[in-house]
PDB file of N, CA and C in Angstrom:
ATOM      1  N   MET A   1      -5.526  62.735   3.340  1.00  0.00           N
ATOM      2  CA  MET A   1      -6.683  63.562   3.056  1.00  0.00           C
ATOM      3  C   MET A   1      -6.207  65.004   2.876  1.00  0.00           C
ATOM      4  N   THR A   2      -6.747  65.668   1.878  1.00  0.00           N
ATOM      5  CA  THR A   2      -6.335  67.044   1.617  1.00  0.00           C
ATOM      6  C   THR A   2      -6.967  67.997   2.619  1.00  0.00           C
ATOM      7  N   ASP A   3      -6.356  69.161   2.746  1.00  0.00           N
ATOM      8  CA  ASP A   3      -6.907  70.185   3.638  1.00  0.00           C
ATOM      9  C   ASP A   3      -8.310  70.593   3.196  1.00  0.00           C
ATOM     10  N   GLU A   4      -8.533  70.689   1.877  1.00  0.00           N
ATOM     11  CA  GLU A   4      -9.861  71.054   1.378  1.00  0.00           C
ATOM     12  C   GLU A   4     -10.896  70.007   1.764  1.00  0.00           C
ATOM     13  N   ARG A   5     -10.552  68.746   1.579  1.00  0.00           N
ATOM     14  CA  ARG A   5     -11.478  67.668   1.915  1.00  0.00           C
ATOM     15  C   ARG A   5     -11.776  67.683   3.417  1.00  0.00           C
ATOM     16  N   GLU A   6     -10.759  67.897   4.234  1.00  0.00           N
ATOM     17  CA  GLU A   6     -10.968  67.974   5.684  1.00  0.00           C
ATOM     18  C   GLU A   6     -11.869  69.146   6.050  1.00  0.00           C
ATOM     19  N   ALA A   7     -11.728  70.262   5.356  1.00  0.00           N
ATOM     20  CA  ALA A   7     -12.578  71.426   5.620  1.00  0.00           C
ATOM     21  C   ALA A   7     -14.037  71.123   5.273  1.00  0.00           C
ATOM     22  N   PHE A   8     -14.253  70.429   4.157  1.00  0.00           N
ATOM     23  CA  PHE A   8     -15.619  70.037   3.803  1.00  0.00           C
ATOM     24  C   PHE A   8     -16.200  69.100   4.856  1.00  0.00           C
ATOM     25  N   HIS A   9     -15.428  68.128   5.273  1.00  0.00           N
ATOM     26  CA  HIS A   9     -15.905  67.184   6.289  1.00  0.00           C
ATOM     27  C   HIS A   9     -16.256  67.908   7.583  1.00  0.00           C
ATOM     28  N   ALA A  10     -15.434  68.858   7.970  1.00  0.00           N
ATOM     29  CA  ALA A  10     -15.699  69.631   9.192  1.00  0.00           C
ATOM     30  C   ALA A  10     -16.989  70.435   9.056  1.00  0.00           C
ATOM     31  N   ALA A  11     -17.186  71.071   7.909  1.00  0.00           N
ATOM     32  CA  ALA A  11     -18.393  71.874   7.690  1.00  0.00           C
ATOM     33  C   ALA A  11     -19.637  70.999   7.718  1.00  0.00           C
ATOM     34  N   ILE A  12     -19.553  69.823   7.134  1.00  0.00           N
ATOM     35  CA  ILE A  12     -20.685  68.896   7.133  1.00  0.00           C
ATOM     36  C   ILE A  12     -20.978  68.420   8.552  1.00  0.00           C
ATOM     37  N   TRP A  13     -19.950  68.085   9.283  1.00  0.00           N
ATOM     38  CA  TRP A  13     -20.110  67.600  10.659  1.00  0.00           C
ATOM     39  C   TRP A  13     -20.688  68.688  11.573  1.00  0.00           C
ATOM     40  N   GLN A  14     -20.265  69.934  11.371  1.00  0.00           N
ATOM     41  CA  GLN A  14     -20.699  71.037  12.239  1.00  0.00           C
ATOM     42  C   GLN A  14     -22.133  71.482  11.955  1.00  0.00           C
ATOM     43  N   THR A  15     -22.641  71.199  10.769  1.00  0.00           N
ATOM     44  CA  THR A  15     -24.004  71.620  10.409  1.00  0.00           C
ATOM     45  C   THR A  15     -24.797  70.424   9.861  1.00  0.00           C
ATOM     46  N   PRO A  16     -25.125  69.469  10.712  1.00  0.00           N
ATOM     47  CA  PRO A  16     -25.756  68.232  10.244  1.00  0.00           C
ATOM     48  C   PRO A  16     -27.124  68.426   9.586  1.00  0.00           C
ATOM     49  N   ASP A  17     -27.822  69.486   9.911  1.00  0.00           N
ATOM     50  CA  ASP A  17     -29.153  69.719   9.347  1.00  0.00           C
ATOM     51  C   ASP A  17     -29.130  70.565   8.084  1.00  0.00           C
ATOM     52  N   ASP A  18     -27.967  70.985   7.650  1.00  0.00           N
ATOM     53  CA  ASP A  18     -27.834  71.858   6.483  1.00  0.00           C
ATOM     54  C   ASP A  18     -27.246  71.064   5.323  1.00  0.00           C
ATOM     55  N   ASP A  19     -27.985  70.976   4.226  1.00  0.00           N
ATOM     56  CA  ASP A  19     -27.511  70.233   3.057  1.00  0.00           C
ATOM     57  C   ASP A  19     -26.512  71.013   2.216  1.00  0.00           C
ATOM     58  N   LEU A  20     -26.442  72.317   2.369  1.00  0.00           N
ATOM     59  CA  LEU A  20     -25.581  73.128   1.517  1.00  0.00           C
ATOM     60  C   LEU A  20     -24.120  72.666   1.527  1.00  0.00           C
ATOM     61  N   PRO A  21     -23.505  72.426   2.682  1.00  0.00           N
ATOM     62  CA  PRO A  21     -22.118  71.951   2.643  1.00  0.00           C
ATOM     63  C   PRO A  21     -21.966  70.621   1.898  1.00  0.00           C
ATOM     64  N   ARG A  22     -22.947  69.746   2.019  1.00  0.00           N
ATOM     65  CA  ARG A  22     -22.897  68.471   1.303  1.00  0.00           C
ATOM     66  C   ARG A  22     -22.978  68.676  -0.204  1.00  0.00           C
ATOM     67  N   LEU A  23     -23.858  69.588  -0.626  1.00  0.00           N
ATOM     68  CA  LEU A  23     -24.027  69.838  -2.050  1.00  0.00           C
ATOM     69  C   LEU A  23     -22.800  70.519  -2.657  1.00  0.00           C
ATOM     70  N   VAL A  24     -22.201  71.430  -1.918  1.00  0.00           N
ATOM     71  CA  VAL A  24     -20.974  72.075  -2.393  1.00  0.00           C
ATOM     72  C   VAL A  24     -19.850  71.048  -2.473  1.00  0.00           C
ATOM     73  N   TYR A  25     -19.769  70.191  -1.484  1.00  0.00           N
ATOM     74  CA  TYR A  25     -18.766  69.129  -1.488  1.00  0.00           C
ATOM     75  C   TYR A  25     -19.001  68.176  -2.667  1.00  0.00           C
ATOM     76  N   ALA A  26     -20.258  67.867  -2.950  1.00  0.00           N
ATOM     77  CA  ALA A  26     -20.577  67.005  -4.091  1.00  0.00           C
ATOM     78  C   ALA A  26     -20.101  67.639  -5.398  1.00  0.00           C
ATOM     79  N   ASP A  27     -20.309  68.938  -5.556  1.00  0.00           N
ATOM     80  CA  ASP A  27     -19.808  69.634  -6.749  1.00  0.00           C
ATOM     81  C   ASP A  27     -18.289  69.539  -6.826  1.00  0.00           C
ATOM     82  N   TRP A  28     -17.635  69.732  -5.700  1.00  0.00           N
ATOM     83  CA  TRP A  28     -16.171  69.671  -5.631  1.00  0.00           C
ATOM     84  C   TRP A  28     -15.683  68.275  -6.034  1.00  0.00           C
ATOM     85  N   LEU A  29     -16.371  67.250  -5.534  1.00  0.00           N
ATOM     86  CA  LEU A  29     -16.009  65.884  -5.883  1.00  0.00           C
ATOM     87  C   LEU A  29     -16.193  65.628  -7.377  1.00  0.00           C
ATOM     88  N   ASP A  30     -17.300  66.119  -7.931  1.00  0.00           N
ATOM     89  CA  ASP A  30     -17.545  65.968  -9.369  1.00  0.00           C
ATOM     90  C   ASP A  30     -16.421  66.585 -10.192  1.00  0.00           C
ATOM     91  N   GLU A  31     -15.981  67.763  -9.777  1.00  0.00           N
ATOM     92  CA  GLU A  31     -14.902  68.451 -10.494  1.00  0.00           C
ATOM     93  C   GLU A  31     -13.610  67.643 -10.479  1.00  0.00           C
ATOM     94  N   ARG A  32     -13.471  66.751  -9.515  1.00  0.00           N
ATOM     95  CA  ARG A  32     -12.260  65.940  -9.389  1.00  0.00           C
ATOM     96  C   ARG A  32     -12.458  64.513  -9.888  1.00  0.00           C
ATOM     97  N   GLY A  33     -13.582  64.279 -10.548  1.00  0.00           N
ATOM     98  CA  GLY A  33     -13.825  62.972 -11.139  1.00  0.00           C
ATOM     99  C   GLY A  33     -14.378  61.925 -10.201  1.00  0.00           C
ATOM    100  N   GLU A  34     -14.758  62.293  -9.006  1.00  0.00           N
ATOM    101  CA  GLU A  34     -15.301  61.351  -8.028  1.00  0.00           C
ATOM    102  C   GLU A  34     -16.832  61.380  -8.104  1.00  0.00           C
ATOM    103  N   HIS A  35     -17.339  60.958  -9.260  1.00  0.00           N
ATOM    104  CA  HIS A  35     -18.763  61.097  -9.572  1.00  0.00           C
ATOM    105  C   HIS A  35     -19.662  60.222  -8.706  1.00  0.00           C
ATOM    106  N   ASP A  36     -19.223  59.014  -8.396  1.00  0.00           N
ATOM    107  CA  ASP A  36     -20.058  58.127  -7.579  1.00  0.00           C
ATOM    108  C   ASP A  36     -20.254  58.678  -6.171  1.00  0.00           C
ATOM    109  N   GLU A  37     -19.187  59.181  -5.588  1.00  0.00           N
ATOM    110  CA  GLU A  37     -19.277  59.765  -4.245  1.00  0.00           C
ATOM    111  C   GLU A  37     -20.166  61.005  -4.260  1.00  0.00           C
ATOM    112  N   ALA A  38     -20.034  61.823  -5.302  1.00  0.00           N
ATOM    113  CA  ALA A  38     -20.854  63.031  -5.430  1.00  0.00           C
ATOM    114  C   ALA A  38     -22.325  62.659  -5.567  1.00  0.00           C
ATOM    115  N   ALA A  39     -22.621  61.656  -6.375  1.00  0.00           N
ATOM    116  CA  ALA A  39     -24.004  61.225  -6.565  1.00  0.00           C
ATOM    117  C   ALA A  39     -24.593  60.697  -5.257  1.00  0.00           C
ATOM    118  N   PHE A  40     -23.781  59.969  -4.489  1.00  0.00           N
ATOM    119  CA  PHE A  40     -24.238  59.446  -3.210  1.00  0.00           C
ATOM    120  C   PHE A  40     -24.603  60.583  -2.249  1.00  0.00           C
ATOM    121  N   LEU A  41     -23.773  61.606  -2.178  1.00  0.00           N
ATOM    122  CA  LEU A  41     -24.071  62.747  -1.307  1.00  0.00           C
ATOM    123  C   LEU A  41     -25.356  63.444  -1.731  1.00  0.00           C
ATOM    124  N   ARG A  42     -25.535  63.619  -3.032  1.00  0.00           N
ATOM    125  CA  ARG A  42     -26.768  64.263  -3.519  1.00  0.00           C
ATOM    126  C   ARG A  42     -27.992  63.422  -3.178  1.00  0.00           C
ATOM    127  N   LEU A  43     -27.848  62.106  -3.271  1.00  0.00           N
ATOM    128  CA  LEU A  43     -28.944  61.220  -2.913  1.00  0.00           C
ATOM    129  C   LEU A  43     -29.294  61.365  -1.432  1.00  0.00           C
ATOM    130  N   LEU A  44     -28.285  61.435  -0.591  1.00  0.00           N
ATOM    131  CA  LEU A  44     -28.535  61.625   0.839  1.00  0.00           C
ATOM    132  C   LEU A  44     -29.301  62.918   1.114  1.00  0.00           C
ATOM    133  N   CYS A  45     -29.013  63.946   0.345  1.00  0.00           N
ATOM    134  CA  CYS A  45     -29.692  65.232   0.542  1.00  0.00           C
ATOM    135  C   CYS A  45     -31.164  65.163   0.139  1.00  0.00           C
ATOM    136  N   CYS A  46     -31.502  64.240  -0.736  1.00  0.00           N
ATOM    137  CA  CYS A  46     -32.885  64.105  -1.205  1.00  0.00           C
ATOM    138  C   CYS A  46     -33.732  63.220  -0.307  1.00  0.00           C
ATOM    139  N   MET A  47     -33.071  62.425   0.529  1.00  0.00           N
ATOM    140  CA  MET A  47     -33.793  61.472   1.368  1.00  0.00           C
ATOM    141  C   MET A  47     -34.305  62.133   2.652  1.00  0.00           C
ATOM    142  N   PRO A  48     -35.538  61.801   3.032  1.00  0.00           N
ATOM    143  CA  PRO A  48     -36.023  62.318   4.327  1.00  0.00           C
ATOM    144  C   PRO A  48     -35.288  61.614   5.469  1.00  0.00           C
ATOM    145  N   CYS A  49     -35.345  62.217   6.596  1.00  0.00           N
ATOM    146  CA  CYS A  49     -34.685  61.647   7.784  1.00  0.00           C
ATOM    147  C   CYS A  49     -35.335  60.314   8.142  1.00  0.00           C
ATOM    148  N   ALA A  50     -34.510  59.333   8.434  1.00  0.00           N
ATOM    149  CA  ALA A  50     -35.009  57.996   8.764  1.00  0.00           C
ATOM    150  C   ALA A  50     -35.711  57.951  10.121  1.00  0.00           C
ATOM    151  N   THR A  51     -35.449  58.913  10.983  1.00  0.00           N
ATOM    152  CA  THR A  51     -36.056  58.908  12.324  1.00  0.00           C
ATOM    153  C   THR A  51     -37.454  59.494  12.308  1.00  0.00           C
ATOM    154  N   GLY A  52     -37.877  60.057  11.177  1.00  0.00           N
ATOM    155  CA  GLY A  52     -39.216  60.626  11.099  1.00  0.00           C
ATOM    156  C   GLY A  52     -39.294  62.052  11.605  1.00  0.00           C
ATOM    157  N   GLY A  53     -38.194  62.604  12.054  1.00  0.00           N
ATOM    158  CA  GLY A  53     -38.200  63.967  12.568  1.00  0.00           C
ATOM    159  C   GLY A  53     -38.094  65.027  11.500  1.00  0.00           C
ATOM    160  N   GLY A  54     -37.813  64.629  10.269  1.00  0.00           N
ATOM    161  CA  GLY A  54     -37.765  65.593   9.181  1.00  0.00           C
ATOM    162  C   GLY A  54     -36.409  66.205   8.953  1.00  0.00           C
ATOM    163  N   SER A  55     -35.480  66.029   9.858  1.00  0.00           N
ATOM    164  CA  SER A  55     -34.137  66.554   9.658  1.00  0.00           C
ATOM    165  C   SER A  55     -33.129  65.538  10.144  1.00  0.00           C
ATOM    166  N   ARG A  56     -31.936  65.603   9.599  1.00  0.00           N
ATOM    167  CA  ARG A  56     -30.897  64.656   9.990  1.00  0.00           C
ATOM    168  C   ARG A  56     -30.227  65.133  11.266  1.00  0.00           C
ATOM    169  N   SER A  57     -29.730  64.181  12.010  1.00  0.00           N
ATOM    170  CA  SER A  57     -28.905  64.524  13.161  1.00  0.00           C
ATOM    171  C   SER A  57     -27.753  63.529  13.216  1.00  0.00           C
ATOM    172  N   VAL A  58     -26.653  63.984  13.742  1.00  0.00           N
ATOM    173  CA  VAL A  58     -25.471  63.147  13.850  1.00  0.00           C
ATOM    174  C   VAL A  58     -25.347  62.682  15.282  1.00  0.00           C
ATOM    175  N   GLY A  59     -25.103  61.386  15.453  1.00  0.00           N
ATOM    176  CA  GLY A  59     -24.878  60.851  16.792  1.00  0.00           C
ATOM    177  C   GLY A  59     -26.110  60.470  17.413  1.00  0.00           C
TER     178      GLY A  59
END
């Protein structure tokens, strides 16, 4: 895993309720030809929280 990818993963993990790191990571993935992964991340950002609380949480 590249240092950049690890940094994106860390930012996403540290801010579970913020979609911005996911969207920036999706753009980064698109630039590298990983379109399916980027589309999946964007889809996750559009989905409401499954717990009904309105925001995502990790763990």
